[in-house]
């Protein structure tokens, strides 16, 4: 009888769990708070670097990106193939280690990288060097994928994203 009850709960409760989960959670990888170790893992996996999504609670633009862009399988596949992906709470007191091995909090890390608005999208190379910054939400999935291509192709070294976007 217990097994039947458990099966019943699992079958009928699963849709509720699916509807209430954060859609952005499927974009990001679980974070352990050590960006220096993450760089080593990115190298080991053959990634181009680390992508950080700076957000905060009650940010409508962050929420829009999570529910209309980051939840798209095409976006997830493209970004996961090239980067380790982590959210950073700009108001968070969660302790972490930065790319240089220094202990800090998410809030202080965001402040040290001049994150003043959300979302802010930062791409770091395999040495922990900031290579691309995009402040605000992207217009749509196509623009977000173009931003990924801009970084992967190394176009950031020669031109700003706005010029790259115009040329495409």
C-alpha atoms as a PDB file:
ATOM      1  CA  UNK A   1       0.000   0.000   0.000  1.00  0.00           C
ATOM      2  CA  UNK A   2       2.850   2.419   0.815  1.00  0.00           C
ATOM      3  CA  UNK A   3       4.406   1.806  -2.592  1.00  0.00           C
ATOM      4  CA  UNK A   4       1.110   2.539  -4.305  1.00  0.00           C
ATOM      5  CA  UNK A   5       0.697   5.753  -2.332  1.00  0.00           C
ATOM      6  CA  UNK A   6       4.281   6.793  -3.098  1.00  0.00           C
ATOM      7  CA  UNK A   7       3.762   6.098  -6.812  1.00  0.00           C
ATOM      8  CA  UNK A   8       0.541   8.137  -6.748  1.00  0.00           C
ATOM      9  CA  UNK A   9       2.280  11.105  -5.094  1.00  0.00           C
ATOM     10  CA  UNK A  10       5.209  10.999  -7.528  1.00  0.00           C
ATOM     11  CA  UNK A  11       2.987  10.828 -10.602  1.00  0.00           C
ATOM     12  CA  UNK A  12       0.679  13.641  -9.610  1.00  0.00           C
ATOM     13  CA  UNK A  13       3.117  15.892  -7.744  1.00  0.00           C
ATOM     14  CA  UNK A  14       5.780  15.994 -10.460  1.00  0.00           C
ATOM     15  CA  UNK A  15       3.920  18.488 -12.694  1.00  0.00           C
ATOM     16  CA  UNK A  16       3.592  20.841  -9.735  1.00  0.00           C
ATOM     17  CA  UNK A  17       7.326  20.684  -9.059  1.00  0.00           C
ATOM     18  CA  UNK A  18       8.072  21.267 -12.734  1.00  0.00           C
ATOM     19  CA  UNK A  19       5.884  24.370 -12.858  1.00  0.00           C
ATOM     20  CA  UNK A  20       7.358  25.987  -9.763  1.00  0.00           C
ATOM     21  CA  UNK A  21      11.049  25.428 -10.454  1.00  0.00           C
ATOM     22  CA  UNK A  22      13.280  28.297 -11.515  1.00  0.00           C
ATOM     23  CA  UNK A  23      13.700  28.011 -15.309  1.00  0.00           C
ATOM     24  CA  UNK A  24      17.173  29.547 -15.102  1.00  0.00           C
ATOM     25  CA  UNK A  25      18.322  26.655 -12.912  1.00  0.00           C
ATOM     26  CA  UNK A  26      18.666  24.424 -15.947  1.00  0.00           C
ATOM     27  CA  UNK A  27      21.032  26.893 -17.580  1.00  0.00           C
ATOM     28  CA  UNK A  28      23.469  27.183 -14.682  1.00  0.00           C
ATOM     29  CA  UNK A  29      25.734  24.527 -13.265  1.00  0.00           C
ATOM     30  CA  UNK A  30      25.845  23.830  -9.529  1.00  0.00           C
ATOM     31  CA  UNK A  31      28.382  26.172  -8.004  1.00  0.00           C
ATOM     32  CA  UNK A  32      30.804  25.370  -5.252  1.00  0.00           C
ATOM     33  CA  UNK A  33      32.031  28.907  -4.729  1.00  0.00           C
ATOM     34  CA  UNK A  34      35.622  28.476  -5.899  1.00  0.00           C
ATOM     35  CA  UNK A  35      36.170  30.275  -9.204  1.00  0.00           C
ATOM     36  CA  UNK A  36      39.892  29.485  -9.157  1.00  0.00           C
ATOM     37  CA  UNK A  37      39.085  25.754  -9.092  1.00  0.00           C
ATOM     38  CA  UNK A  38      36.407  26.350 -11.731  1.00  0.00           C
ATOM     39  CA  UNK A  39      39.068  27.726 -14.077  1.00  0.00           C
ATOM     40  CA  UNK A  40      41.001  24.474 -13.724  1.00  0.00           C
ATOM     41  CA  UNK A  41      37.838  22.501 -14.416  1.00  0.00           C
ATOM     42  CA  UNK A  42      37.060  24.653 -17.472  1.00  0.00           C
ATOM     43  CA  UNK A  43      40.558  23.973 -18.811  1.00  0.00           C
ATOM     44  CA  UNK A  44      40.195  20.261 -18.140  1.00  0.00           C
ATOM     45  CA  UNK A  45      36.861  20.189 -20.010  1.00  0.00           C
ATOM     46  CA  UNK A  46      38.229  22.167 -22.964  1.00  0.00           C
ATOM     47  CA  UNK A  47      35.970  25.175 -22.369  1.00  0.00           C
ATOM     48  CA  UNK A  48      36.693  28.735 -23.511  1.00  0.00           C
ATOM     49  CA  UNK A  49      36.137  30.163 -20.035  1.00  0.00           C
ATOM     50  CA  UNK A  50      33.580  31.004 -17.370  1.00  0.00           C
ATOM     51  CA  UNK A  51      30.326  32.905 -17.860  1.00  0.00           C
ATOM     52  CA  UNK A  52      28.868  34.716 -14.836  1.00  0.00           C
ATOM     53  CA  UNK A  53      25.281  35.997 -14.723  1.00  0.00           C
ATOM     54  CA  UNK A  54      24.991  38.707 -12.066  1.00  0.00           C
ATOM     55  CA  UNK A  55      21.433  38.932 -10.778  1.00  0.00           C
ATOM     56  CA  UNK A  56      19.321  39.920  -7.805  1.00  0.00           C
ATOM     57  CA  UNK A  57      15.936  39.020  -6.384  1.00  0.00           C
ATOM     58  CA  UNK A  58      13.011  40.941  -7.839  1.00  0.00           C
ATOM     59  CA  UNK A  59      14.953  41.905 -10.973  1.00  0.00           C
ATOM     60  CA  UNK A  60      12.349  41.791 -13.771  1.00  0.00           C
ATOM     61  CA  UNK A  61      15.010  41.776 -16.491  1.00  0.00           C
ATOM     62  CA  UNK A  62      16.808  38.819 -14.889  1.00  0.00           C
ATOM     63  CA  UNK A  63      13.527  36.973 -14.611  1.00  0.00           C
ATOM     64  CA  UNK A  64      12.662  37.713 -18.245  1.00  0.00           C
ATOM     65  CA  UNK A  65      16.016  36.363 -19.397  1.00  0.00           C
ATOM     66  CA  UNK A  66      15.582  33.206 -17.309  1.00  0.00           C
ATOM     67  CA  UNK A  67      12.062  32.510 -18.551  1.00  0.00           C
ATOM     68  CA  UNK A  68      12.450  33.439 -22.221  1.00  0.00           C
ATOM     69  CA  UNK A  69      16.128  32.907 -23.112  1.00  0.00           C
ATOM     70  CA  UNK A  70      18.088  30.834 -20.600  1.00  0.00           C
ATOM     71  CA  UNK A  71      15.403  28.157 -20.580  1.00  0.00           C
ATOM     72  CA  UNK A  72      15.862  27.446 -24.308  1.00  0.00           C
ATOM     73  CA  UNK A  73      17.691  24.173 -25.038  1.00  0.00           C
ATOM     74  CA  UNK A  74      19.548  25.729 -28.000  1.00  0.00           C
ATOM     75  CA  UNK A  75      20.952  28.424 -25.700  1.00  0.00           C
ATOM     76  CA  UNK A  76      21.816  25.936 -22.964  1.00  0.00           C
ATOM     77  CA  UNK A  77      23.616  23.618 -25.371  1.00  0.00           C
ATOM     78  CA  UNK A  78      25.601  26.419 -27.025  1.00  0.00           C
ATOM     79  CA  UNK A  79      26.736  27.991 -23.757  1.00  0.00           C
ATOM     80  CA  UNK A  80      27.445  24.714 -21.940  1.00  0.00           C
ATOM     81  CA  UNK A  81      29.646  23.576 -24.811  1.00  0.00           C
ATOM     82  CA  UNK A  82      31.898  26.618 -24.390  1.00  0.00           C
ATOM     83  CA  UNK A  83      31.670  27.839 -20.778  1.00  0.00           C
ATOM     84  CA  UNK A  84      31.080  26.930 -17.183  1.00  0.00           C
ATOM     85  CA  UNK A  85      27.935  28.878 -16.221  1.00  0.00           C
ATOM     86  CA  UNK A  86      27.229  30.377 -12.799  1.00  0.00           C
ATOM     87  CA  UNK A  87      24.794  32.884 -11.308  1.00  0.00           C
ATOM     88  CA  UNK A  88      26.104  35.470  -8.842  1.00  0.00           C
ATOM     89  CA  UNK A  89      23.753  37.307  -6.456  1.00  0.00           C
ATOM     90  CA  UNK A  90      24.873  40.947  -6.335  1.00  0.00           C
ATOM     91  CA  UNK A  91      23.440  41.228  -2.806  1.00  0.00           C
ATOM     92  CA  UNK A  92      24.598  37.791  -1.683  1.00  0.00           C
ATOM     93  CA  UNK A  93      26.592  37.168   1.457  1.00  0.00           C
ATOM     94  CA  UNK A  94      27.539  33.685   0.298  1.00  0.00           C
ATOM     95  CA  UNK A  95      31.261  33.164   0.694  1.00  0.00           C
ATOM     96  CA  UNK A  96      33.271  32.321  -2.393  1.00  0.00           C
ATOM     97  CA  UNK A  97      36.811  32.328  -3.749  1.00  0.00           C
ATOM     98  CA  UNK A  98      37.607  34.623  -6.664  1.00  0.00           C
ATOM     99  CA  UNK A  99      39.752  33.807  -9.696  1.00  0.00           C
ATOM    100  CA  UNK A 100      42.936  34.797  -7.837  1.00  0.00           C
ATOM    101  CA  UNK A 101      42.154  32.536  -4.879  1.00  0.00           C
ATOM    102  CA  UNK A 102      41.043  35.361  -2.569  1.00  0.00           C
ATOM    103  CA  UNK A 103      38.141  34.743  -0.174  1.00  0.00           C
ATOM    104  CA  UNK A 104      35.233  37.121  -0.734  1.00  0.00           C
ATOM    105  CA  UNK A 105      31.428  37.210  -0.864  1.00  0.00           C
ATOM    106  CA  UNK A 106      29.218  37.306  -3.951  1.00  0.00           C
ATOM    107  CA  UNK A 107      28.274  40.898  -3.121  1.00  0.00           C
ATOM    108  CA  UNK A 108      31.896  42.040  -2.771  1.00  0.00           C
ATOM    109  CA  UNK A 109      32.918  40.129  -5.892  1.00  0.00           C
ATOM    110  CA  UNK A 110      30.155  41.876  -7.866  1.00  0.00           C
ATOM    111  CA  UNK A 111      31.204  45.257  -6.480  1.00  0.00           C
ATOM    112  CA  UNK A 112      34.866  44.639  -7.328  1.00  0.00           C
ATOM    113  CA  UNK A 113      33.835  43.959 -10.943  1.00  0.00           C
ATOM    114  CA  UNK A 114      31.791  47.177 -11.114  1.00  0.00           C
ATOM    115  CA  UNK A 115      28.461  45.399 -11.406  1.00  0.00           C
ATOM    116  CA  UNK A 116      25.932  48.137 -10.689  1.00  0.00           C
ATOM    117  CA  UNK A 117      22.906  46.893 -12.649  1.00  0.00           C
ATOM    118  CA  UNK A 118      21.306  43.527 -13.241  1.00  0.00           C
ATOM    119  CA  UNK A 119      21.564  41.477 -15.179  1.00  0.00           C
ATOM    120  CA  UNK A 120      25.228  41.940 -15.973  1.00  0.00           C
ATOM    121  CA  UNK A 121      26.857  39.236 -18.053  1.00  0.00           C
ATOM    122  CA  UNK A 122      30.603  38.732 -17.658  1.00  0.00           C
ATOM    123  CA  UNK A 123      32.798  36.356 -19.639  1.00  0.00           C
ATOM    124  CA  UNK A 124      36.201  35.366 -18.240  1.00  0.00           C
ATOM    125  CA  UNK A 125      38.965  33.574 -20.134  1.00  0.00           C
ATOM    126  CA  UNK A 126      40.840  30.559 -18.784  1.00  0.00           C
ATOM    127  CA  UNK A 127      43.259  32.836 -16.908  1.00  0.00           C
ATOM    128  CA  UNK A 128      40.402  34.519 -15.018  1.00  0.00           C
ATOM    129  CA  UNK A 129      40.720  37.698 -17.073  1.00  0.00           C
ATOM    130  CA  UNK A 130      37.506  39.577 -17.874  1.00  0.00           C
ATOM    131  CA  UNK A 131      37.135  39.556 -21.663  1.00  0.00           C
ATOM    132  CA  UNK A 132      33.543  40.676 -22.273  1.00  0.00           C
ATOM    133  CA  UNK A 133      30.936  42.614 -20.300  1.00  0.00           C
ATOM    134  CA  UNK A 134      27.309  43.016 -21.314  1.00  0.00           C
ATOM    135  CA  UNK A 135      25.067  45.061 -19.034  1.00  0.00           C
ATOM    136  CA  UNK A 136      21.316  44.574 -19.161  1.00  0.00           C
ATOM    137  CA  UNK A 137      19.170  41.908 -20.721  1.00  0.00           C
ATOM    138  CA  UNK A 138      19.676  40.813 -24.292  1.00  0.00           C
ATOM    139  CA  UNK A 139      16.778  41.571 -26.591  1.00  0.00           C
ATOM    140  CA  UNK A 140      16.074  37.935 -27.391  1.00  0.00           C
ATOM    141  CA  UNK A 141      17.540  34.461 -27.835  1.00  0.00           C
ATOM    142  CA  UNK A 142      19.206  35.382 -31.139  1.00  0.00           C
ATOM    143  CA  UNK A 143      21.083  38.301 -29.579  1.00  0.00           C
ATOM    144  CA  UNK A 144      22.191  36.153 -26.631  1.00  0.00           C
ATOM    145  CA  UNK A 145      23.492  33.458 -28.981  1.00  0.00           C
ATOM    146  CA  UNK A 146      25.256  36.136 -31.028  1.00  0.00           C
ATOM    147  CA  UNK A 147      26.946  37.351 -27.832  1.00  0.00           C
ATOM    148  CA  UNK A 148      28.179  33.797 -27.211  1.00  0.00           C
ATOM    149  CA  UNK A 149      29.514  33.598 -30.784  1.00  0.00           C
ATOM    150  CA  UNK A 150      31.192  37.013 -30.378  1.00  0.00           C
ATOM    151  CA  UNK A 151      33.145  35.700 -27.373  1.00  0.00           C
ATOM    152  CA  UNK A 152      33.914  32.246 -28.774  1.00  0.00           C
ATOM    153  CA  UNK A 153      35.218  33.687 -32.068  1.00  0.00           C
ATOM    154  CA  UNK A 154      37.425  36.155 -30.166  1.00  0.00           C
ATOM    155  CA  UNK A 155      35.809  39.146 -31.888  1.00  0.00           C
ATOM    156  CA  UNK A 156      35.862  40.970 -28.510  1.00  0.00           C
ATOM    157  CA  UNK A 157      39.596  41.583 -29.075  1.00  0.00           C
ATOM    158  CA  UNK A 158      38.946  43.730 -32.167  1.00  0.00           C
ATOM    159  CA  UNK A 159      35.573  45.408 -31.822  1.00  0.00           C
ATOM    160  CA  UNK A 160      32.751  46.159 -29.415  1.00  0.00           C
ATOM    161  CA  UNK A 161      29.710  43.899 -29.492  1.00  0.00           C
ATOM    162  CA  UNK A 162      27.522  46.639 -31.030  1.00  0.00           C
ATOM    163  CA  UNK A 163      29.744  46.796 -34.140  1.00  0.00           C
ATOM    164  CA  UNK A 164      29.928  43.000 -34.330  1.00  0.00           C
ATOM    165  CA  UNK A 165      26.134  42.841 -34.127  1.00  0.00           C
ATOM    166  CA  UNK A 166      25.723  45.422 -36.916  1.00  0.00           C
ATOM    167  CA  UNK A 167      28.050  43.447 -39.184  1.00  0.00           C
ATOM    168  CA  UNK A 168      26.004  40.283 -38.685  1.00  0.00           C
END
